[in-house]
Amino acid sequence: MHAVCHSPYALGMAAECVLGVDGGGTGTTAVLVALDRTELARGKAGPSNYVVAGAPAAAAAVVEAIVQALRAAPAPVRIRTAAFCLAGIAGPADAELLRAALRAVSPPFPEWAAVVERARLTHDALAALTGGCGQPVGVVVVAGTGSIAYGRAADGREQRAGGWGWLAGDEGSAFDLGRRALQAAARAVDGRGPATALTELLLAEMGCGRMEELVRRFVPGPELRSLVAALAPLVFRAAAGGDAVAQDLLSSAARELALAAATVLRGLGLERIVTPVVMHGGLFQHHPPLREEFAAALARWAPMARPVLPQRDAAYGAALLALEPTW
């Protein structure tokens, strides 16, 4: 005798779920999550940082990611509520500007208008923290092309350190490491600094024979930041080979990221409480030596902090924020 399955999917009914969207300067991810926290489907689209792309383009990217997620869902779903966690949202005015832009786009599903009105709109760092440790309490340190530390206390107080961009900040980021690697190579060629394996690695990476040719590859333009950031792995390669200059750059990056985390912990009064510090972003993900040095530096400033790798990504964290409206 066969068991009777009462799953909404098996019965052809639309299963209730929530929607989480994480959007930034490089792309947008939408995820559908069932009420029991099971991920159902996800979709991707282009950038949705409205400060860079404009609100209409950001809203269009959000909708495209949602449409892709709905197409990937294994069965029909009904979205109960949503959280849109997007780069560029710095306060209520930004949130309402984007809500208006979302109202204006073609609805990807029948309940779109109602979902937009009751959706939570906030910044992407909160989604990264929530996805990283399963709750919106703690600190997340992002080390990718740029860098920032963000924290939230149980009473809802928030604080950040860093995130000022490549000109005024981004210490410990891939861009910062790439820029400092170029500077170290230039100093070595001049004789102003010690010889370093970075010089030959940089020349080989860019297919150049001389330093003068290398620096001409880095001209102002929209691709400059990502081009410099792409050099960061050379620092880790040189450090692993024993190059002292590269090892110093790695240690300095770890200290800067740890200082940002410790500053946020102190600002929120969490430095004396066991608190998760999520190590988020490509540099942490792909380079264990950075994680190790970061953890060691953080332990000196905030011994109760507990560095962890993310449990889930920021899009899933956005969905958790939609599931738990009291957070």
C-alpha atoms as a PDB file:
ATOM      1  CA  MET A   1       0.000   0.000   0.000  1.00  0.00           C
ATOM      2  CA  HIS A   2       1.435   3.363  -1.006  1.00  0.00           C
ATOM      3  CA  ALA A   3       1.681   6.221   1.482  1.00  0.00           C
ATOM      4  CA  VAL A   4      -0.367   9.276   0.657  1.00  0.00           C
ATOM      5  CA  CYS A   5       1.768  12.378   0.122  1.00  0.00           C
ATOM      6  CA  HIS A   6       0.144  15.630   1.160  1.00  0.00           C
ATOM      7  CA  SER A   7       2.981  17.870  -0.041  1.00  0.00           C
ATOM      8  CA  PRO A   8       1.670  20.994  -1.770  1.00  0.00           C
ATOM      9  CA  TYR A   9       4.082  20.209  -4.614  1.00  0.00           C
ATOM     10  CA  ALA A  10       2.689  16.713  -5.027  1.00  0.00           C
ATOM     11  CA  LEU A  11      -0.872  18.041  -5.019  1.00  0.00           C
ATOM     12  CA  GLY A  12      -0.069  20.689  -7.598  1.00  0.00           C
ATOM     13  CA  MET A  13      -0.808  23.519  -5.171  1.00  0.00           C
ATOM     14  CA  ALA A  14       1.288  26.678  -4.887  1.00  0.00           C
ATOM     15  CA  ALA A  15       3.588  26.300  -1.886  1.00  0.00           C
ATOM     16  CA  GLU A  16       4.064  29.383   0.299  1.00  0.00           C
ATOM     17  CA  CYS A  17       7.577  30.762   0.485  1.00  0.00           C
ATOM     18  CA  VAL A  18       9.540  33.952   1.061  1.00  0.00           C
ATOM     19  CA  LEU A  19      11.834  35.817  -1.270  1.00  0.00           C
ATOM     20  CA  GLY A  20      15.333  37.070  -0.489  1.00  0.00           C
ATOM     21  CA  VAL A  21      17.325  39.288  -2.828  1.00  0.00           C
ATOM     22  CA  ASP A  22      20.977  40.271  -2.433  1.00  0.00           C
ATOM     23  CA  GLY A  23      22.180  42.881  -4.892  1.00  0.00           C
ATOM     24  CA  GLY A  24      25.403  44.777  -5.408  1.00  0.00           C
ATOM     25  CA  GLY A  25      27.797  46.243  -7.900  1.00  0.00           C
ATOM     26  CA  THR A  26      28.646  42.973  -9.644  1.00  0.00           C
ATOM     27  CA  GLY A  27      25.367  41.058  -9.645  1.00  0.00           C
ATOM     28  CA  THR A  28      22.009  40.248  -8.076  1.00  0.00           C
ATOM     29  CA  THR A  29      20.816  36.948  -6.600  1.00  0.00           C
ATOM     30  CA  ALA A  30      17.229  36.068  -5.716  1.00  0.00           C
ATOM     31  CA  VAL A  31      16.375  33.000  -3.651  1.00  0.00           C
ATOM     32  CA  LEU A  32      13.017  31.392  -2.838  1.00  0.00           C
ATOM     33  CA  VAL A  33      12.903  29.763   0.601  1.00  0.00           C
ATOM     34  CA  ALA A  34      10.096  27.650   2.038  1.00  0.00           C
ATOM     35  CA  LEU A  35       8.630  28.480   5.434  1.00  0.00           C
ATOM     36  CA  ASP A  36      10.700  25.642   6.977  1.00  0.00           C
ATOM     37  CA  ARG A  37      13.894  27.392   5.686  1.00  0.00           C
ATOM     38  CA  THR A  38      14.415  24.955   2.810  1.00  0.00           C
ATOM     39  CA  GLU A  39      15.850  26.652  -0.263  1.00  0.00           C
ATOM     40  CA  LEU A  40      13.637  26.033  -3.304  1.00  0.00           C
ATOM     41  CA  ALA A  41      15.301  27.896  -6.148  1.00  0.00           C
ATOM     42  CA  ARG A  42      17.494  30.848  -7.041  1.00  0.00           C
ATOM     43  CA  GLY A  43      18.121  33.144  -9.965  1.00  0.00           C
ATOM     44  CA  LYS A  44      20.793  35.642 -10.998  1.00  0.00           C
ATOM     45  CA  ALA A  45      20.911  38.924 -12.885  1.00  0.00           C
ATOM     46  CA  GLY A  46      23.169  41.947 -13.370  1.00  0.00           C
ATOM     47  CA  PRO A  47      24.188  44.700 -10.910  1.00  0.00           C
ATOM     48  CA  SER A  48      21.618  46.410  -8.680  1.00  0.00           C
ATOM     49  CA  ASN A  49      23.592  49.066  -6.815  1.00  0.00           C
ATOM     50  CA  TYR A  50      21.303  51.976  -7.603  1.00  0.00           C
ATOM     51  CA  VAL A  51      23.961  54.578  -6.737  1.00  0.00           C
ATOM     52  CA  VAL A  52      25.949  53.329  -9.732  1.00  0.00           C
ATOM     53  CA  ALA A  53      23.274  51.990 -12.074  1.00  0.00           C
ATOM     54  CA  GLY A  54      20.292  54.183 -11.163  1.00  0.00           C
ATOM     55  CA  ALA A  55      17.081  53.074  -9.456  1.00  0.00           C
ATOM     56  CA  PRO A  56      15.200  51.911 -12.598  1.00  0.00           C
ATOM     57  CA  ALA A  57      18.104  49.716 -13.743  1.00  0.00           C
ATOM     58  CA  ALA A  58      18.559  48.340 -10.218  1.00  0.00           C
ATOM     59  CA  ALA A  59      14.853  47.461 -10.004  1.00  0.00           C
ATOM     60  CA  ALA A  60      14.991  45.802 -13.418  1.00  0.00           C
ATOM     61  CA  ALA A  61      17.922  43.620 -12.290  1.00  0.00           C
ATOM     62  CA  VAL A  62      16.043  42.622  -9.135  1.00  0.00           C
ATOM     63  CA  VAL A  63      12.994  41.603 -11.172  1.00  0.00           C
ATOM     64  CA  GLU A  64      15.114  39.647 -13.656  1.00  0.00           C
ATOM     65  CA  ALA A  65      16.730  37.665 -10.811  1.00  0.00           C
ATOM     66  CA  ILE A  66      13.284  36.929  -9.353  1.00  0.00           C
ATOM     67  CA  VAL A  67      11.957  35.764 -12.720  1.00  0.00           C
ATOM     68  CA  GLN A  68      14.928  33.407 -13.061  1.00  0.00           C
ATOM     69  CA  ALA A  69      14.282  32.005  -9.586  1.00  0.00           C
ATOM     70  CA  LEU A  70      10.584  31.466 -10.325  1.00  0.00           C
ATOM     71  CA  ARG A  71      11.477  29.648 -13.536  1.00  0.00           C
ATOM     72  CA  ALA A  72      13.892  27.408 -11.612  1.00  0.00           C
ATOM     73  CA  ALA A  73      11.358  26.534  -8.895  1.00  0.00           C
ATOM     74  CA  PRO A  74      10.364  22.826  -8.982  1.00  0.00           C
ATOM     75  CA  ALA A  75       6.662  23.709  -8.692  1.00  0.00           C
ATOM     76  CA  PRO A  76       4.391  26.774  -8.419  1.00  0.00           C
ATOM     77  CA  VAL A  77       4.991  28.983  -5.372  1.00  0.00           C
ATOM     78  CA  ARG A  78       3.195  31.838  -3.688  1.00  0.00           C
ATOM     79  CA  ILE A  79       5.481  34.485  -2.200  1.00  0.00           C
ATOM     80  CA  ARG A  80       4.325  35.617   1.228  1.00  0.00           C
ATOM     81  CA  THR A  81       6.851  38.414   1.766  1.00  0.00           C
ATOM     82  CA  ALA A  82      10.331  39.508   0.746  1.00  0.00           C
ATOM     83  CA  ALA A  83      13.522  41.239   1.802  1.00  0.00           C
ATOM     84  CA  PHE A  84      15.486  43.243  -0.750  1.00  0.00           C
ATOM     85  CA  CYS A  85      19.022  43.759   0.581  1.00  0.00           C
ATOM     86  CA  LEU A  86      20.782  46.010  -1.886  1.00  0.00           C
ATOM     87  CA  ALA A  87      24.059  47.908  -1.983  1.00  0.00           C
ATOM     88  CA  GLY A  88      23.496  51.651  -1.884  1.00  0.00           C
ATOM     89  CA  ILE A  89      20.683  51.585   0.669  1.00  0.00           C
ATOM     90  CA  ALA A  90      22.008  53.772   3.485  1.00  0.00           C
ATOM     91  CA  GLY A  91      18.726  54.770   5.122  1.00  0.00           C
ATOM     92  CA  PRO A  92      14.932  55.148   4.786  1.00  0.00           C
ATOM     93  CA  ALA A  93      15.153  57.637   1.915  1.00  0.00           C
ATOM     94  CA  ASP A  94      17.175  55.192  -0.210  1.00  0.00           C
ATOM     95  CA  ALA A  95      14.794  52.366   0.685  1.00  0.00           C
ATOM     96  CA  GLU A  96      11.715  54.317  -0.352  1.00  0.00           C
ATOM     97  CA  LEU A  97      13.342  55.443  -3.587  1.00  0.00           C
ATOM     98  CA  LEU A  98      13.976  51.816  -4.506  1.00  0.00           C
ATOM     99  CA  ARG A  99      10.510  50.736  -3.356  1.00  0.00           C
ATOM    100  CA  ALA A 100       9.049  53.282  -5.774  1.00  0.00           C
ATOM    101  CA  ALA A 101      11.246  51.920  -8.570  1.00  0.00           C
ATOM    102  CA  LEU A 102      10.126  48.365  -7.779  1.00  0.00           C
ATOM    103  CA  ARG A 103       6.478  49.454  -7.867  1.00  0.00           C
ATOM    104  CA  ALA A 104       7.017  50.767 -11.384  1.00  0.00           C
ATOM    105  CA  VAL A 105       8.325  47.544 -12.946  1.00  0.00           C
ATOM    106  CA  SER A 106       6.179  44.880 -14.575  1.00  0.00           C
ATOM    107  CA  PRO A 107       5.031  42.444 -11.852  1.00  0.00           C
ATOM    108  CA  PRO A 108       6.765  39.054 -12.162  1.00  0.00           C
ATOM    109  CA  PHE A 109       3.918  37.362 -10.231  1.00  0.00           C
ATOM    110  CA  PRO A 110       0.319  38.249  -9.263  1.00  0.00           C
ATOM    111  CA  GLU A 111       1.059  39.256  -5.677  1.00  0.00           C
ATOM    112  CA  TRP A 112       3.963  41.523  -6.685  1.00  0.00           C
ATOM    113  CA  ALA A 113       2.350  44.808  -5.649  1.00  0.00           C
ATOM    114  CA  ALA A 114       1.448  43.523  -2.180  1.00  0.00           C
ATOM    115  CA  VAL A 115       4.883  41.950  -1.672  1.00  0.00           C
ATOM    116  CA  VAL A 116       6.675  45.184  -2.622  1.00  0.00           C
ATOM    117  CA  GLU A 117       4.596  47.209  -0.164  1.00  0.00           C
ATOM    118  CA  ARG A 118       5.345  44.987   2.820  1.00  0.00           C
ATOM    119  CA  ALA A 119       8.891  43.989   1.803  1.00  0.00           C
ATOM    120  CA  ARG A 120      11.891  44.816   3.936  1.00  0.00           C
ATOM    121  CA  LEU A 121      14.406  47.018   2.099  1.00  0.00           C
ATOM    122  CA  THR A 122      17.842  47.318   3.658  1.00  0.00           C
ATOM    123  CA  HIS A 123      21.548  47.143   2.858  1.00  0.00           C
ATOM    124  CA  ASP A 124      23.421  44.071   1.671  1.00  0.00           C
ATOM    125  CA  ALA A 125      25.787  43.896   4.675  1.00  0.00           C
ATOM    126  CA  LEU A 126      22.883  42.876   6.938  1.00  0.00           C
ATOM    127  CA  ALA A 127      22.058  40.031   4.539  1.00  0.00           C
ATOM    128  CA  ALA A 128      25.696  38.890   4.528  1.00  0.00           C
ATOM    129  CA  LEU A 129      25.762  38.856   8.341  1.00  0.00           C
ATOM    130  CA  THR A 130      22.453  36.993   8.627  1.00  0.00           C
ATOM    131  CA  GLY A 131      23.344  34.407   6.028  1.00  0.00           C
ATOM    132  CA  GLY A 132      26.813  34.041   7.492  1.00  0.00           C
ATOM    133  CA  CYS A 133      25.824  33.134  11.044  1.00  0.00           C
ATOM    134  CA  GLY A 134      22.075  32.406  10.786  1.00  0.00           C
ATOM    135  CA  GLN A 135      21.031  35.493  12.731  1.00  0.00           C
ATOM    136  CA  PRO A 136      21.396  39.284  12.380  1.00  0.00           C
ATOM    137  CA  VAL A 137      23.557  39.634  15.498  1.00  0.00           C
ATOM    138  CA  GLY A 138      27.322  39.757  15.269  1.00  0.00           C
ATOM    139  CA  VAL A 139      29.877  41.196  12.874  1.00  0.00           C
ATOM    140  CA  VAL A 140      30.638  40.511   9.239  1.00  0.00           C
ATOM    141  CA  VAL A 141      33.920  41.526   7.620  1.00  0.00           C
ATOM    142  CA  VAL A 142      33.799  41.643   3.847  1.00  0.00           C
ATOM    143  CA  ALA A 143      37.118  41.274   2.026  1.00  0.00           C
ATOM    144  CA  GLY A 144      36.569  41.257  -1.718  1.00  0.00           C
ATOM    145  CA  THR A 145      37.410  43.879  -4.301  1.00  0.00           C
ATOM    146  CA  GLY A 146      36.642  46.363  -1.512  1.00  0.00           C
ATOM    147  CA  SER A 147      36.343  45.901   2.253  1.00  0.00           C
ATOM    148  CA  ILE A 148      34.013  46.816   5.092  1.00  0.00           C
ATOM    149  CA  ALA A 149      33.114  45.641   8.597  1.00  0.00           C
ATOM    150  CA  TYR A 150      29.489  45.795   9.717  1.00  0.00           C
ATOM    151  CA  GLY A 151      27.915  44.771  12.992  1.00  0.00           C
ATOM    152  CA  ARG A 152      24.508  44.598  14.616  1.00  0.00           C
ATOM    153  CA  ALA A 153      23.662  44.115  18.295  1.00  0.00           C
ATOM    154  CA  ALA A 154      20.653  42.227  19.643  1.00  0.00           C
ATOM    155  CA  ASP A 155      18.895  45.529  20.397  1.00  0.00           C
ATOM    156  CA  GLY A 156      19.146  46.582  16.747  1.00  0.00           C
ATOM    157  CA  ARG A 157      22.057  49.035  17.075  1.00  0.00           C
ATOM    158  CA  GLU A 158      24.301  49.016  13.997  1.00  0.00           C
ATOM    159  CA  GLN A 159      27.853  50.130  13.314  1.00  0.00           C
ATOM    160  CA  ARG A 160      30.285  49.952  10.425  1.00  0.00           C
ATOM    161  CA  ALA A 161      33.972  50.567   9.876  1.00  0.00           C
ATOM    162  CA  GLY A 162      35.607  50.983   6.503  1.00  0.00           C
ATOM    163  CA  GLY A 163      33.701  50.734   3.267  1.00  0.00           C
ATOM    164  CA  TRP A 164      34.893  54.172   2.154  1.00  0.00           C
ATOM    165  CA  GLY A 165      35.936  53.068  -1.309  1.00  0.00           C
ATOM    166  CA  TRP A 166      39.258  52.727  -3.064  1.00  0.00           C
ATOM    167  CA  LEU A 167      40.324  56.353  -2.596  1.00  0.00           C
ATOM    168  CA  ALA A 168      39.649  56.796   1.128  1.00  0.00           C
ATOM    169  CA  GLY A 169      39.626  53.226   2.388  1.00  0.00           C
ATOM    170  CA  ASP A 170      39.221  49.581   1.306  1.00  0.00           C
ATOM    171  CA  GLU A 171      42.141  48.581   3.533  1.00  0.00           C
ATOM    172  CA  GLY A 172      42.826  44.853   3.390  1.00  0.00           C
ATOM    173  CA  SER A 173      40.817  44.417   0.191  1.00  0.00           C
ATOM    174  CA  ALA A 174      41.931  42.823  -3.074  1.00  0.00           C
ATOM    175  CA  PHE A 175      42.299  46.287  -4.583  1.00  0.00           C
ATOM    176  CA  ASP A 176      44.450  47.415  -1.655  1.00  0.00           C
ATOM    177  CA  LEU A 177      46.697  44.355  -1.935  1.00  0.00           C
ATOM    178  CA  GLY A 178      47.050  44.753  -5.705  1.00  0.00           C
ATOM    179  CA  ARG A 179      47.883  48.454  -5.403  1.00  0.00           C
ATOM    180  CA  ARG A 180      50.438  47.857  -2.669  1.00  0.00           C
ATOM    181  CA  ALA A 181      52.007  45.027  -4.685  1.00  0.00           C
ATOM    182  CA  LEU A 182      52.521  47.451  -7.580  1.00  0.00           C
ATOM    183  CA  GLN A 183      54.018  50.006  -5.202  1.00  0.00           C
ATOM    184  CA  ALA A 184      56.372  47.413  -3.697  1.00  0.00           C
ATOM    185  CA  ALA A 185      57.549  46.371  -7.148  1.00  0.00           C
ATOM    186  CA  ALA A 186      58.162  49.994  -8.168  1.00  0.00           C
ATOM    187  CA  ARG A 187      60.137  50.648  -4.984  1.00  0.00           C
ATOM    188  CA  ALA A 188      62.210  47.519  -5.597  1.00  0.00           C
ATOM    189  CA  VAL A 189      63.003  48.551  -9.183  1.00  0.00           C
ATOM    190  CA  ASP A 190      64.108  51.992  -7.962  1.00  0.00           C
ATOM    191  CA  GLY A 191      66.140  50.630  -5.088  1.00  0.00           C
ATOM    192  CA  ARG A 192      63.960  52.507  -2.589  1.00  0.00           C
ATOM    193  CA  GLY A 193      62.694  49.228  -1.183  1.00  0.00           C
ATOM    194  CA  PRO A 194      63.829  45.620  -0.804  1.00  0.00           C
ATOM    195  CA  ALA A 195      63.904  43.235  -3.738  1.00  0.00           C
ATOM    196  CA  THR A 196      60.711  41.175  -3.995  1.00  0.00           C
ATOM    197  CA  ALA A 197      59.406  38.245  -6.021  1.00  0.00           C
ATOM    198  CA  LEU A 198      56.353  40.400  -6.707  1.00  0.00           C
ATOM    199  CA  THR A 199      58.229  42.279  -9.419  1.00  0.00           C
ATOM    200  CA  GLU A 200      58.691  39.262 -11.673  1.00  0.00           C
ATOM    201  CA  LEU A 201      55.254  37.866 -10.833  1.00  0.00           C
ATOM    202  CA  LEU A 202      53.548  41.124 -11.801  1.00  0.00           C
ATOM    203  CA  LEU A 203      55.533  41.467 -15.045  1.00  0.00           C
ATOM    204  CA  ALA A 204      54.743  37.875 -16.018  1.00  0.00           C
ATOM    205  CA  GLU A 205      51.070  38.194 -15.097  1.00  0.00           C
ATOM    206  CA  MET A 206      50.641  41.251 -17.327  1.00  0.00           C
ATOM    207  CA  GLY A 207      52.953  40.020 -20.093  1.00  0.00           C
ATOM    208  CA  CYS A 208      55.367  42.924 -19.683  1.00  0.00           C
ATOM    209  CA  GLY A 209      59.136  43.110 -19.912  1.00  0.00           C
ATOM    210  CA  ARG A 210      59.757  46.245 -17.853  1.00  0.00           C
ATOM    211  CA  MET A 211      58.129  48.135 -14.991  1.00  0.00           C
ATOM    212  CA  GLU A 212      57.539  51.157 -17.207  1.00  0.00           C
ATOM    213  CA  GLU A 213      55.439  49.013 -19.535  1.00  0.00           C
ATOM    214  CA  LEU A 214      53.565  47.459 -16.622  1.00  0.00           C
ATOM    215  CA  VAL A 215      52.379  50.687 -15.037  1.00  0.00           C
ATOM    216  CA  ARG A 216      51.062  51.945 -18.387  1.00  0.00           C
ATOM    217  CA  ARG A 217      48.549  49.084 -18.329  1.00  0.00           C
ATOM    218  CA  PHE A 218      46.772  50.713 -15.394  1.00  0.00           C
ATOM    219  CA  VAL A 219      45.065  53.769 -16.812  1.00  0.00           C
ATOM    220  CA  PRO A 220      42.047  55.513 -15.256  1.00  0.00           C
ATOM    221  CA  GLY A 221      38.749  54.019 -16.360  1.00  0.00           C
ATOM    222  CA  PRO A 222      35.824  51.872 -15.215  1.00  0.00           C
ATOM    223  CA  GLU A 223      37.894  48.663 -15.255  1.00  0.00           C
ATOM    224  CA  LEU A 224      40.871  49.993 -13.272  1.00  0.00           C
ATOM    225  CA  ARG A 225      39.640  48.920  -9.846  1.00  0.00           C
ATOM    226  CA  SER A 226      38.934  45.328 -10.859  1.00  0.00           C
ATOM    227  CA  LEU A 227      42.182  45.138 -12.863  1.00  0.00           C
ATOM    228  CA  VAL A 228      44.248  46.117  -9.825  1.00  0.00           C
ATOM    229  CA  ALA A 229      42.229  43.837  -7.520  1.00  0.00           C
ATOM    230  CA  ALA A 230      42.948  40.882  -9.807  1.00  0.00           C
ATOM    231  CA  LEU A 231      46.634  41.160  -8.814  1.00  0.00           C
ATOM    232  CA  ALA A 232      45.931  40.252  -5.172  1.00  0.00           C
ATOM    233  CA  PRO A 233      46.446  36.478  -5.619  1.00  0.00           C
ATOM    234  CA  LEU A 234      50.060  37.199  -6.606  1.00  0.00           C
ATOM    235  CA  VAL A 235      50.667  38.525  -3.098  1.00  0.00           C
ATOM    236  CA  PHE A 236      49.515  35.241  -1.591  1.00  0.00           C
ATOM    237  CA  ARG A 237      51.600  33.263  -4.086  1.00  0.00           C
ATOM    238  CA  ALA A 238      54.728  35.249  -3.295  1.00  0.00           C
ATOM    239  CA  ALA A 239      54.080  35.034   0.459  1.00  0.00           C
ATOM    240  CA  ALA A 240      53.701  31.247   0.244  1.00  0.00           C
ATOM    241  CA  GLY A 241      57.066  31.167  -1.504  1.00  0.00           C
ATOM    242  CA  GLY A 242      58.711  32.954   1.411  1.00  0.00           C
ATOM    243  CA  ASP A 243      58.912  36.477  -0.006  1.00  0.00           C
ATOM    244  CA  ALA A 244      59.238  38.832   2.974  1.00  0.00           C
ATOM    245  CA  VAL A 245      57.663  41.831   1.247  1.00  0.00           C
ATOM    246  CA  ALA A 246      54.572  39.832   0.267  1.00  0.00           C
ATOM    247  CA  GLN A 247      54.340  38.356   3.759  1.00  0.00           C
ATOM    248  CA  ASP A 248      54.357  41.861   5.209  1.00  0.00           C
ATOM    249  CA  LEU A 249      51.565  42.904   2.825  1.00  0.00           C
ATOM    250  CA  LEU A 250      49.500  39.869   3.844  1.00  0.00           C
ATOM    251  CA  SER A 251      50.009  40.561   7.548  1.00  0.00           C
ATOM    252  CA  SER A 252      49.128  44.232   7.096  1.00  0.00           C
ATOM    253  CA  ALA A 253      45.895  43.345   5.265  1.00  0.00           C
ATOM    254  CA  ALA A 254      44.918  40.920   8.024  1.00  0.00           C
ATOM    255  CA  ARG A 255      45.590  43.545  10.709  1.00  0.00           C
ATOM    256  CA  GLU A 256      43.511  46.181   8.895  1.00  0.00           C
ATOM    257  CA  LEU A 257      40.556  43.823   8.547  1.00  0.00           C
ATOM    258  CA  ALA A 258      40.866  42.741  12.185  1.00  0.00           C
ATOM    259  CA  LEU A 259      41.078  46.378  13.314  1.00  0.00           C
ATOM    260  CA  ALA A 260      37.847  47.145  11.459  1.00  0.00           C
ATOM    261  CA  ALA A 261      36.124  44.175  13.112  1.00  0.00           C
ATOM    262  CA  ALA A 262      37.437  45.093  16.570  1.00  0.00           C
ATOM    263  CA  THR A 263      36.328  48.706  16.111  1.00  0.00           C
ATOM    264  CA  VAL A 264      32.779  47.569  15.354  1.00  0.00           C
ATOM    265  CA  LEU A 265      32.777  45.123  18.268  1.00  0.00           C
ATOM    266  CA  ARG A 266      33.891  47.852  20.670  1.00  0.00           C
ATOM    267  CA  GLY A 267      31.409  50.348  19.269  1.00  0.00           C
ATOM    268  CA  LEU A 268      28.535  47.944  19.906  1.00  0.00           C
ATOM    269  CA  GLY A 269      29.824  46.799  23.300  1.00  0.00           C
ATOM    270  CA  LEU A 270      30.312  43.239  22.026  1.00  0.00           C
ATOM    271  CA  GLU A 271      34.050  42.904  22.644  1.00  0.00           C
ATOM    272  CA  ARG A 272      33.469  41.175  26.014  1.00  0.00           C
ATOM    273  CA  ILE A 273      30.757  38.823  24.697  1.00  0.00           C
ATOM    274  CA  VAL A 274      31.275  35.677  22.623  1.00  0.00           C
ATOM    275  CA  THR A 275      30.326  37.031  19.202  1.00  0.00           C
ATOM    276  CA  PRO A 276      30.533  35.528  15.711  1.00  0.00           C
ATOM    277  CA  VAL A 277      32.664  37.451  13.218  1.00  0.00           C
ATOM    278  CA  VAL A 278      31.828  36.228   9.730  1.00  0.00           C
ATOM    279  CA  MET A 279      34.761  36.206   7.285  1.00  0.00           C
ATOM    280  CA  HIS A 280      32.972  37.031   4.025  1.00  0.00           C
ATOM    281  CA  GLY A 281      34.254  37.629   0.512  1.00  0.00           C
ATOM    282  CA  GLY A 282      36.616  36.112  -2.009  1.00  0.00           C
ATOM    283  CA  LEU A 283      39.881  36.885  -0.202  1.00  0.00           C
ATOM    284  CA  PHE A 284      38.781  35.019   2.922  1.00  0.00           C
ATOM    285  CA  GLN A 285      37.197  32.222   0.909  1.00  0.00           C
ATOM    286  CA  HIS A 286      40.179  31.444  -1.292  1.00  0.00           C
ATOM    287  CA  HIS A 287      43.162  32.278   0.940  1.00  0.00           C
ATOM    288  CA  PRO A 288      43.440  30.383   4.260  1.00  0.00           C
ATOM    289  CA  PRO A 289      46.596  32.293   5.317  1.00  0.00           C
ATOM    290  CA  LEU A 290      44.554  35.511   5.413  1.00  0.00           C
ATOM    291  CA  ARG A 291      41.933  33.826   7.617  1.00  0.00           C
ATOM    292  CA  GLU A 292      44.647  32.568   9.971  1.00  0.00           C
ATOM    293  CA  GLU A 293      46.395  35.919  10.321  1.00  0.00           C
ATOM    294  CA  PHE A 294      43.064  37.738  10.647  1.00  0.00           C
ATOM    295  CA  ALA A 295      41.991  35.418  13.472  1.00  0.00           C
ATOM    296  CA  ALA A 296      45.318  35.867  15.271  1.00  0.00           C
ATOM    297  CA  ALA A 297      45.183  39.669  15.005  1.00  0.00           C
ATOM    298  CA  LEU A 298      41.538  39.799  16.096  1.00  0.00           C
ATOM    299  CA  ALA A 299      42.285  37.638  19.135  1.00  0.00           C
ATOM    300  CA  ARG A 300      44.724  40.274  20.389  1.00  0.00           C
ATOM    301  CA  TRP A 301      42.102  43.041  20.257  1.00  0.00           C
ATOM    302  CA  ALA A 302      38.892  41.086  20.947  1.00  0.00           C
ATOM    303  CA  PRO A 303      39.612  37.709  22.584  1.00  0.00           C
ATOM    304  CA  MET A 304      35.905  36.808  22.809  1.00  0.00           C
ATOM    305  CA  ALA A 305      35.324  37.185  19.067  1.00  0.00           C
ATOM    306  CA  ARG A 306      34.802  33.953  17.157  1.00  0.00           C
ATOM    307  CA  PRO A 307      35.828  34.164  13.479  1.00  0.00           C
ATOM    308  CA  VAL A 308      33.707  31.874  11.282  1.00  0.00           C
ATOM    309  CA  LEU A 309      33.250  31.196   7.596  1.00  0.00           C
ATOM    310  CA  PRO A 310      29.736  31.912   6.265  1.00  0.00           C
ATOM    311  CA  GLN A 311      27.120  29.222   6.833  1.00  0.00           C
ATOM    312  CA  ARG A 312      25.091  30.469   3.863  1.00  0.00           C
ATOM    313  CA  ASP A 313      25.316  33.319   1.375  1.00  0.00           C
ATOM    314  CA  ALA A 314      23.786  36.792   1.576  1.00  0.00           C
ATOM    315  CA  ALA A 315      20.792  35.966  -0.649  1.00  0.00           C
ATOM    316  CA  TYR A 316      19.753  33.215   1.735  1.00  0.00           C
ATOM    317  CA  GLY A 317      20.370  35.650   4.596  1.00  0.00           C
ATOM    318  CA  ALA A 318      17.948  38.084   2.948  1.00  0.00           C
ATOM    319  CA  ALA A 319      15.338  35.327   2.854  1.00  0.00           C
ATOM    320  CA  LEU A 320      15.878  34.681   6.579  1.00  0.00           C
ATOM    321  CA  LEU A 321      15.237  38.375   7.228  1.00  0.00           C
ATOM    322  CA  ALA A 322      11.947  38.030   5.342  1.00  0.00           C
ATOM    323  CA  LEU A 323      11.029  34.940   7.345  1.00  0.00           C
ATOM    324  CA  GLU A 324      11.749  36.640  10.687  1.00  0.00           C
ATOM    325  CA  PRO A 325      10.148  40.104  10.529  1.00  0.00           C
ATOM    326  CA  THR A 326      10.974  40.827  14.191  1.00  0.00           C
ATOM    327  CA  TRP A 327      14.721  40.634  13.520  1.00  0.00           C
END
